[in-house]
N, C-alpha and C. Protein backbone atom coordinates (compact mmCIF):
# COMPACT_ATOMS: atom_id res chain seq x y z
N MET A 1 13.86 12.62 7.51
CA MET A 1 13.86 13.78 8.38
C MET A 1 13.88 15.02 7.48
N ARG A 2 12.98 15.94 7.75
CA ARG A 2 12.87 17.17 6.95
C ARG A 2 13.53 18.34 7.67
N LEU A 3 14.35 19.08 6.94
CA LEU A 3 15.09 20.23 7.48
C LEU A 3 14.60 21.51 6.82
N LEU A 4 14.57 22.58 7.60
CA LEU A 4 14.27 23.91 7.11
C LEU A 4 15.47 24.79 7.43
N LEU A 5 16.04 25.44 6.42
CA LEU A 5 17.24 26.26 6.59
C LEU A 5 16.94 27.70 6.24
N MET A 6 17.33 28.60 7.15
CA MET A 6 17.17 30.04 6.89
C MET A 6 18.34 30.78 7.53
N SER A 7 18.47 32.03 7.12
CA SER A 7 19.51 32.89 7.68
C SER A 7 19.14 34.33 7.39
N ASP A 8 19.81 35.24 8.07
CA ASP A 8 19.73 36.66 7.75
C ASP A 8 18.30 37.17 7.65
N THR A 9 17.52 36.93 8.70
CA THR A 9 16.14 37.40 8.71
C THR A 9 16.07 38.90 8.98
N HIS A 10 16.99 39.45 9.75
CA HIS A 10 17.11 40.90 9.95
C HIS A 10 15.79 41.59 10.30
N LEU A 11 15.02 40.97 11.19
CA LEU A 11 13.75 41.60 11.60
C LEU A 11 13.99 42.53 12.77
N PRO A 12 13.35 43.65 12.80
CA PRO A 12 12.34 44.17 11.87
C PRO A 12 12.90 45.13 10.82
N LYS A 13 14.20 45.13 10.58
CA LYS A 13 14.80 46.08 9.63
C LYS A 13 14.43 45.76 8.18
N ARG A 14 14.55 44.51 7.75
CA ARG A 14 14.33 44.16 6.34
C ARG A 14 12.88 43.79 6.05
N ALA A 15 12.13 43.44 7.08
CA ALA A 15 10.71 43.11 6.95
C ALA A 15 10.10 43.21 8.34
N LYS A 16 8.77 43.31 8.38
CA LYS A 16 8.09 43.39 9.68
C LYS A 16 7.88 42.02 10.30
N ALA A 17 7.82 40.99 9.44
CA ALA A 17 7.58 39.62 9.91
C ALA A 17 8.18 38.63 8.92
N LEU A 18 8.34 37.40 9.37
CA LEU A 18 8.79 36.35 8.46
C LEU A 18 7.70 36.09 7.43
N PRO A 19 8.06 35.79 6.19
CA PRO A 19 7.07 35.54 5.15
C PRO A 19 6.19 34.32 5.48
N GLU A 20 4.93 34.40 5.13
CA GLU A 20 3.98 33.32 5.41
C GLU A 20 4.40 31.97 4.84
N PRO A 21 4.92 31.89 3.58
CA PRO A 21 5.34 30.57 3.08
C PRO A 21 6.44 29.93 3.94
N LEU A 22 7.31 30.75 4.48
CA LEU A 22 8.36 30.23 5.37
C LEU A 22 7.75 29.76 6.69
N LEU A 23 6.86 30.54 7.25
CA LEU A 23 6.18 30.14 8.50
C LEU A 23 5.39 28.85 8.31
N ALA A 24 4.82 28.67 7.13
CA ALA A 24 4.04 27.45 6.84
C ALA A 24 4.92 26.20 6.82
N GLU A 25 6.21 26.38 6.59
CA GLU A 25 7.15 25.25 6.59
C GLU A 25 7.49 24.76 8.00
N LEU A 26 7.35 25.62 9.00
CA LEU A 26 7.78 25.28 10.37
C LEU A 26 7.16 23.98 10.89
N PRO A 27 5.85 23.77 10.80
CA PRO A 27 5.30 22.53 11.35
C PRO A 27 5.69 21.28 10.56
N ARG A 28 6.15 21.45 9.33
CA ARG A 28 6.57 20.30 8.51
C ARG A 28 8.02 19.90 8.78
N ALA A 29 8.78 20.78 9.43
CA ALA A 29 10.22 20.54 9.63
C ALA A 29 10.47 19.80 10.94
N ASP A 30 11.32 18.79 10.86
CA ASP A 30 11.77 18.11 12.07
C ASP A 30 12.85 18.93 12.77
N VAL A 31 13.66 19.63 11.96
CA VAL A 31 14.73 20.47 12.50
C VAL A 31 14.78 21.76 11.69
N VAL A 32 14.86 22.89 12.40
CA VAL A 32 14.98 24.21 11.77
C VAL A 32 16.38 24.74 12.08
N PHE A 33 17.07 25.21 11.05
CA PHE A 33 18.38 25.84 11.19
C PHE A 33 18.24 27.33 10.91
N HIS A 34 18.91 28.14 11.72
CA HIS A 34 19.00 29.59 11.45
C HIS A 34 20.47 29.97 11.61
N ALA A 35 21.06 30.48 10.52
CA ALA A 35 22.50 30.75 10.50
C ALA A 35 22.84 32.21 10.83
N GLY A 36 22.07 32.82 11.70
CA GLY A 36 22.46 34.12 12.25
C GLY A 36 21.93 35.34 11.55
N ASP A 37 22.16 36.48 12.20
CA ASP A 37 21.59 37.78 11.86
C ASP A 37 20.07 37.75 11.97
N TRP A 38 19.65 37.43 13.18
CA TRP A 38 18.22 37.48 13.55
C TRP A 38 17.83 38.94 13.73
N VAL A 39 18.67 39.70 14.42
CA VAL A 39 18.56 41.11 14.81
C VAL A 39 17.62 41.30 16.00
N ASP A 40 16.46 40.65 16.02
CA ASP A 40 15.57 40.80 17.18
C ASP A 40 15.35 39.48 17.89
N SER A 41 15.17 39.55 19.18
CA SER A 41 14.92 38.35 20.00
C SER A 41 13.54 37.76 19.74
N ALA A 42 12.61 38.56 19.27
CA ALA A 42 11.26 38.06 19.01
C ALA A 42 11.26 36.96 17.95
N THR A 43 12.14 37.07 16.97
CA THR A 43 12.22 36.03 15.94
C THR A 43 12.74 34.73 16.54
N LEU A 44 13.74 34.82 17.40
CA LEU A 44 14.23 33.63 18.10
C LEU A 44 13.12 33.02 18.95
N ASP A 45 12.39 33.84 19.69
CA ASP A 45 11.29 33.35 20.51
C ASP A 45 10.24 32.64 19.66
N LEU A 46 9.89 33.25 18.53
CA LEU A 46 8.90 32.67 17.63
C LEU A 46 9.35 31.31 17.11
N LEU A 47 10.59 31.23 16.63
CA LEU A 47 11.07 29.96 16.08
C LEU A 47 11.22 28.90 17.17
N GLU A 48 11.63 29.31 18.36
CA GLU A 48 11.71 28.34 19.46
C GLU A 48 10.32 27.78 19.79
N SER A 49 9.31 28.62 19.76
CA SER A 49 7.96 28.18 20.13
C SER A 49 7.29 27.34 19.05
N ARG A 50 7.68 27.52 17.79
CA ARG A 50 7.00 26.81 16.69
C ARG A 50 7.81 25.68 16.07
N SER A 51 9.05 25.51 16.50
CA SER A 51 9.91 24.48 15.91
C SER A 51 9.98 23.26 16.81
N THR A 52 9.99 22.09 16.18
CA THR A 52 10.21 20.86 16.93
C THR A 52 11.60 20.88 17.53
N ARG A 53 12.57 21.30 16.73
CA ARG A 53 13.96 21.43 17.17
C ARG A 53 14.60 22.57 16.41
N LEU A 54 15.24 23.49 17.12
CA LEU A 54 15.87 24.65 16.51
C LEU A 54 17.36 24.62 16.79
N ILE A 55 18.15 24.79 15.71
CA ILE A 55 19.60 24.91 15.82
C ILE A 55 19.95 26.28 15.24
N GLY A 56 20.49 27.17 16.07
CA GLY A 56 20.79 28.50 15.61
C GLY A 56 22.09 29.04 16.16
N VAL A 57 22.59 30.07 15.49
CA VAL A 57 23.81 30.76 15.91
C VAL A 57 23.57 32.26 15.80
N HIS A 58 24.43 33.04 16.45
CA HIS A 58 24.34 34.49 16.30
C HIS A 58 25.18 34.94 15.12
N GLY A 59 24.81 36.10 14.59
CA GLY A 59 25.55 36.69 13.48
C GLY A 59 26.15 38.03 13.86
N ASN A 60 26.81 38.66 12.92
CA ASN A 60 27.51 39.92 13.19
C ASN A 60 26.56 41.07 13.53
N ASN A 61 25.29 41.00 13.15
CA ASN A 61 24.34 42.06 13.45
C ASN A 61 23.50 41.77 14.69
N ASP A 62 23.80 40.70 15.39
CA ASP A 62 23.03 40.33 16.58
C ASP A 62 23.67 40.92 17.83
N GLY A 63 22.83 41.52 18.66
CA GLY A 63 23.31 42.20 19.85
C GLY A 63 23.55 41.27 21.02
N PRO A 64 23.87 41.85 22.17
CA PRO A 64 24.23 41.06 23.35
C PRO A 64 23.14 40.09 23.83
N ASP A 65 21.86 40.47 23.67
CA ASP A 65 20.79 39.58 24.10
C ASP A 65 20.78 38.28 23.31
N LEU A 66 20.96 38.37 21.99
CA LEU A 66 21.00 37.16 21.16
C LEU A 66 22.31 36.40 21.35
N ARG A 67 23.40 37.11 21.50
CA ARG A 67 24.70 36.46 21.71
C ARG A 67 24.71 35.68 23.03
N ALA A 68 23.94 36.15 24.01
CA ALA A 68 23.85 35.43 25.29
C ALA A 68 23.06 34.13 25.15
N ARG A 69 22.18 34.07 24.16
CA ARG A 69 21.32 32.90 23.99
C ARG A 69 21.79 31.92 22.92
N LEU A 70 22.68 32.37 22.04
CA LEU A 70 23.08 31.57 20.89
C LEU A 70 24.59 31.48 20.78
N PRO A 71 25.12 30.33 20.33
CA PRO A 71 26.57 30.21 20.14
C PRO A 71 27.01 30.84 18.82
N GLU A 72 28.32 30.98 18.66
CA GLU A 72 28.87 31.44 17.39
C GLU A 72 28.86 30.30 16.36
N VAL A 73 29.08 29.08 16.83
CA VAL A 73 29.06 27.89 15.99
C VAL A 73 28.25 26.84 16.72
N ALA A 74 27.39 26.13 16.00
CA ALA A 74 26.60 25.05 16.59
C ALA A 74 26.88 23.76 15.83
N TYR A 75 26.82 22.66 16.56
CA TYR A 75 27.06 21.35 15.97
C TYR A 75 25.92 20.41 16.36
N VAL A 76 25.53 19.54 15.43
CA VAL A 76 24.49 18.56 15.71
C VAL A 76 24.67 17.37 14.76
N GLU A 77 24.36 16.19 15.26
CA GLU A 77 24.37 15.00 14.41
C GLU A 77 22.92 14.60 14.16
N LEU A 78 22.58 14.43 12.90
CA LEU A 78 21.22 14.07 12.50
C LEU A 78 21.29 12.92 11.51
N GLY A 79 20.69 11.80 11.86
CA GLY A 79 20.69 10.67 10.95
C GLY A 79 22.06 10.21 10.53
N GLY A 80 23.02 10.36 11.42
CA GLY A 80 24.39 9.95 11.12
C GLY A 80 25.21 11.00 10.39
N LEU A 81 24.61 12.13 10.02
CA LEU A 81 25.35 13.22 9.38
C LEU A 81 25.74 14.26 10.41
N ARG A 82 26.97 14.75 10.30
CA ARG A 82 27.48 15.77 11.23
C ARG A 82 27.30 17.15 10.59
N PHE A 83 26.44 17.96 11.22
CA PHE A 83 26.13 19.31 10.74
C PHE A 83 26.83 20.34 11.60
N GLY A 84 27.21 21.44 10.97
CA GLY A 84 27.68 22.61 11.67
C GLY A 84 26.91 23.81 11.15
N VAL A 85 26.77 24.82 12.00
CA VAL A 85 26.11 26.06 11.61
C VAL A 85 27.00 27.21 12.06
N VAL A 86 27.23 28.15 11.17
CA VAL A 86 28.05 29.33 11.47
C VAL A 86 27.50 30.47 10.62
N HIS A 87 27.68 31.68 11.08
CA HIS A 87 27.16 32.79 10.28
C HIS A 87 28.06 33.13 9.10
N GLU A 88 29.32 33.40 9.38
CA GLU A 88 30.21 33.95 8.36
C GLU A 88 31.32 32.97 7.99
N THR A 89 31.57 32.85 6.68
CA THR A 89 32.64 31.97 6.20
C THR A 89 33.69 32.71 5.37
N GLY A 90 33.57 34.02 5.26
CA GLY A 90 34.54 34.79 4.49
C GLY A 90 34.18 34.89 3.02
N PRO A 91 35.13 35.39 2.20
CA PRO A 91 34.86 35.61 0.78
C PRO A 91 34.50 34.32 0.04
N ALA A 92 33.75 34.46 -1.05
CA ALA A 92 33.35 33.30 -1.85
C ALA A 92 34.56 32.57 -2.42
N GLN A 93 35.56 33.32 -2.87
CA GLN A 93 36.75 32.69 -3.45
C GLN A 93 37.49 31.91 -2.36
N GLY A 94 37.68 30.64 -2.59
CA GLY A 94 38.39 29.78 -1.65
C GLY A 94 37.54 29.27 -0.49
N ARG A 95 36.23 29.52 -0.53
CA ARG A 95 35.35 29.14 0.58
C ARG A 95 35.38 27.64 0.87
N GLU A 96 35.30 26.82 -0.15
CA GLU A 96 35.24 25.37 0.07
C GLU A 96 36.48 24.87 0.80
N ALA A 97 37.67 25.26 0.32
CA ALA A 97 38.91 24.81 0.95
C ALA A 97 39.04 25.35 2.36
N ARG A 98 38.68 26.62 2.55
CA ARG A 98 38.78 27.25 3.87
C ARG A 98 37.85 26.56 4.87
N CYS A 99 36.62 26.28 4.47
CA CYS A 99 35.66 25.64 5.37
C CYS A 99 36.02 24.17 5.63
N ALA A 100 36.52 23.50 4.61
CA ALA A 100 36.94 22.11 4.80
C ALA A 100 38.08 22.02 5.81
N ALA A 101 38.98 22.99 5.77
CA ALA A 101 40.09 23.01 6.73
C ALA A 101 39.61 23.38 8.13
N ARG A 102 38.66 24.31 8.23
CA ARG A 102 38.17 24.74 9.54
C ARG A 102 37.24 23.73 10.18
N PHE A 103 36.50 22.98 9.35
CA PHE A 103 35.50 22.04 9.86
C PHE A 103 35.74 20.64 9.27
N PRO A 104 36.89 20.02 9.59
CA PRO A 104 37.24 18.75 8.95
C PRO A 104 36.34 17.58 9.36
N ASP A 105 35.63 17.70 10.46
CA ASP A 105 34.80 16.59 10.94
C ASP A 105 33.33 16.70 10.55
N LEU A 106 32.97 17.68 9.72
CA LEU A 106 31.57 17.87 9.35
C LEU A 106 31.26 17.25 7.99
N ASP A 107 29.98 16.92 7.83
CA ASP A 107 29.46 16.49 6.53
C ASP A 107 28.75 17.64 5.83
N VAL A 108 28.08 18.50 6.63
CA VAL A 108 27.31 19.62 6.08
C VAL A 108 27.56 20.87 6.93
N LEU A 109 27.81 21.99 6.26
CA LEU A 109 27.95 23.27 6.94
C LEU A 109 26.87 24.22 6.42
N VAL A 110 26.02 24.70 7.32
CA VAL A 110 25.00 25.69 7.00
C VAL A 110 25.56 27.04 7.42
N PHE A 111 25.53 28.03 6.53
CA PHE A 111 26.08 29.34 6.85
C PHE A 111 25.22 30.43 6.25
N GLY A 112 25.51 31.66 6.62
CA GLY A 112 24.74 32.80 6.14
C GLY A 112 25.65 33.95 5.76
N HIS A 113 25.26 35.16 6.16
CA HIS A 113 26.00 36.40 6.04
C HIS A 113 25.89 37.07 4.67
N SER A 114 26.10 36.37 3.59
CA SER A 114 26.14 37.01 2.27
C SER A 114 24.76 37.33 1.72
N HIS A 115 23.73 36.66 2.21
CA HIS A 115 22.35 36.75 1.69
C HIS A 115 22.24 36.13 0.30
N ILE A 116 23.29 35.49 -0.16
CA ILE A 116 23.32 34.89 -1.49
C ILE A 116 23.26 33.37 -1.33
N PRO A 117 22.23 32.72 -1.91
CA PRO A 117 22.16 31.26 -1.81
C PRO A 117 23.42 30.59 -2.35
N TRP A 118 23.79 29.48 -1.69
CA TRP A 118 25.04 28.79 -2.05
C TRP A 118 24.84 27.30 -1.78
N ASP A 119 25.26 26.48 -2.72
CA ASP A 119 25.20 25.03 -2.54
C ASP A 119 26.36 24.43 -3.32
N THR A 120 27.43 24.11 -2.61
CA THR A 120 28.60 23.50 -3.24
C THR A 120 29.13 22.40 -2.34
N THR A 121 30.06 21.64 -2.88
CA THR A 121 30.70 20.57 -2.13
C THR A 121 32.21 20.72 -2.25
N ALA A 122 32.88 20.73 -1.10
CA ALA A 122 34.35 20.83 -1.07
C ALA A 122 34.95 19.51 -1.54
N SER A 123 36.22 19.54 -1.87
CA SER A 123 36.91 18.33 -2.34
C SER A 123 36.91 17.23 -1.28
N THR A 124 36.75 17.60 -0.01
CA THR A 124 36.71 16.63 1.08
C THR A 124 35.34 15.98 1.24
N GLY A 125 34.35 16.49 0.50
CA GLY A 125 32.98 15.98 0.62
C GLY A 125 32.09 16.86 1.48
N LEU A 126 32.65 17.89 2.14
CA LEU A 126 31.86 18.81 2.95
C LEU A 126 30.88 19.56 2.05
N ARG A 127 29.60 19.47 2.38
CA ARG A 127 28.55 20.20 1.64
C ARG A 127 28.33 21.54 2.31
N LEU A 128 28.39 22.61 1.55
CA LEU A 128 28.19 23.96 2.07
C LEU A 128 26.86 24.50 1.56
N LEU A 129 26.00 24.93 2.50
CA LEU A 129 24.67 25.41 2.15
C LEU A 129 24.42 26.76 2.78
N ASN A 130 24.08 27.74 1.95
CA ASN A 130 23.63 29.04 2.43
C ASN A 130 22.23 29.24 1.87
N PRO A 131 21.22 29.35 2.75
CA PRO A 131 19.85 29.49 2.26
C PRO A 131 19.49 30.88 1.76
N GLY A 132 20.41 31.84 1.79
CA GLY A 132 20.10 33.21 1.41
C GLY A 132 19.32 33.88 2.52
N SER A 133 18.48 34.84 2.17
CA SER A 133 17.68 35.58 3.14
C SER A 133 16.22 35.59 2.72
N PRO A 134 15.31 35.30 3.65
CA PRO A 134 13.89 35.34 3.30
C PRO A 134 13.29 36.75 3.32
N THR A 135 14.11 37.75 3.68
CA THR A 135 13.57 39.11 3.84
C THR A 135 14.34 40.19 3.09
N ASP A 136 15.51 39.90 2.57
CA ASP A 136 16.35 40.93 1.95
C ASP A 136 15.98 41.14 0.49
N ARG A 137 15.49 42.31 0.18
CA ARG A 137 15.05 42.62 -1.19
C ARG A 137 16.21 43.05 -2.10
N ARG A 138 17.43 43.08 -1.60
CA ARG A 138 18.57 43.48 -2.45
C ARG A 138 18.94 42.39 -3.43
N GLN A 139 18.58 41.14 -3.13
CA GLN A 139 18.83 40.03 -4.04
C GLN A 139 17.65 39.90 -5.01
N PRO A 140 17.83 39.20 -6.12
CA PRO A 140 16.70 39.04 -7.05
C PRO A 140 15.48 38.37 -6.41
N HIS A 141 15.74 37.47 -5.44
CA HIS A 141 14.65 36.77 -4.77
C HIS A 141 14.98 36.61 -3.29
N CYS A 142 13.97 36.69 -2.45
CA CYS A 142 14.12 36.28 -1.05
C CYS A 142 14.03 34.76 -1.05
N THR A 143 14.87 34.10 -0.23
CA THR A 143 14.97 32.65 -0.32
C THR A 143 15.14 31.98 1.03
N TYR A 144 14.88 30.67 1.03
CA TYR A 144 15.21 29.76 2.13
C TYR A 144 15.39 28.39 1.49
N MET A 145 15.84 27.41 2.26
CA MET A 145 16.05 26.06 1.75
C MET A 145 15.32 25.04 2.60
N THR A 146 14.98 23.92 1.94
CA THR A 146 14.57 22.72 2.66
C THR A 146 15.48 21.59 2.21
N ALA A 147 15.62 20.60 3.05
CA ALA A 147 16.45 19.44 2.71
C ALA A 147 15.90 18.24 3.47
N THR A 148 16.35 17.08 3.08
CA THR A 148 15.98 15.86 3.80
C THR A 148 17.23 15.11 4.19
N VAL A 149 17.13 14.40 5.29
CA VAL A 149 18.16 13.46 5.70
C VAL A 149 17.54 12.08 5.56
N THR A 150 18.19 11.23 4.77
CA THR A 150 17.70 9.88 4.53
C THR A 150 18.70 8.88 5.11
N GLU A 151 18.37 7.62 5.01
CA GLU A 151 19.29 6.58 5.49
C GLU A 151 20.62 6.62 4.76
N SER A 152 20.61 7.10 3.52
CA SER A 152 21.85 7.13 2.75
C SER A 152 22.57 8.48 2.80
N GLY A 153 22.06 9.44 3.58
CA GLY A 153 22.76 10.72 3.73
C GLY A 153 21.85 11.91 3.49
N LEU A 154 22.45 12.99 3.03
CA LEU A 154 21.68 14.20 2.75
C LEU A 154 20.92 13.99 1.45
N GLY A 155 19.60 14.09 1.54
CA GLY A 155 18.76 13.89 0.36
C GLY A 155 18.61 15.20 -0.41
N GLU A 156 17.45 15.36 -0.98
CA GLU A 156 17.17 16.53 -1.81
C GLU A 156 17.32 17.83 -1.03
N VAL A 157 18.07 18.76 -1.62
CA VAL A 157 18.18 20.12 -1.10
C VAL A 157 17.48 21.02 -2.10
N GLU A 158 16.50 21.79 -1.61
CA GLU A 158 15.73 22.63 -2.51
C GLU A 158 15.79 24.09 -2.06
N LEU A 159 16.11 24.97 -3.00
CA LEU A 159 16.08 26.40 -2.76
C LEU A 159 14.69 26.91 -3.11
N HIS A 160 14.06 27.60 -2.16
CA HIS A 160 12.71 28.14 -2.36
C HIS A 160 12.81 29.64 -2.56
N ARG A 161 12.25 30.12 -3.65
CA ARG A 161 12.16 31.55 -3.91
C ARG A 161 10.79 32.04 -3.44
N LEU A 162 10.80 33.07 -2.66
CA LEU A 162 9.55 33.62 -2.14
C LEU A 162 8.94 34.60 -3.12
N PRO A 163 7.61 34.71 -3.12
CA PRO A 163 6.99 35.68 -4.03
C PRO A 163 7.37 37.10 -3.63
N PRO A 164 7.43 37.99 -4.60
CA PRO A 164 7.77 39.39 -4.28
C PRO A 164 6.77 39.97 -3.28
N ARG A 165 7.25 40.87 -2.41
CA ARG A 165 6.33 41.50 -1.48
C ARG A 165 6.21 42.97 -1.80
């Protein structure tokens, strides 16, 4: 099973549209995750129409229209792995322990907010993944992630750097 992970798209403030390489990944993904800060409903509509399955949450910059359509935290089981999605996890220091305590029943937590890619594992085995932002030019690279779910668990997780725009 192929996963596509993104967050913090901030359209149309940070970009006018999602980058083409990211859009090209949509038909290849069995499940698309968006960890909040969509900013516009058009991006949600687009991903809903082009994704086989979309799992998303609202972020701190999302208004009432998006909050009415999306939860603060989402949960899904895929291939026997328990996933959670949330926008904000707090400061980087202590993140693994804090998230492991807050989400003791998860195998993987997808999160956003910082726009900084993150891939670590808590002492409990909880994998924390932040795909960064595909539109924010404040980081050295705009990014997203892909991953696979295999019979033995979470397979390859790859961070994709987008070409400069």
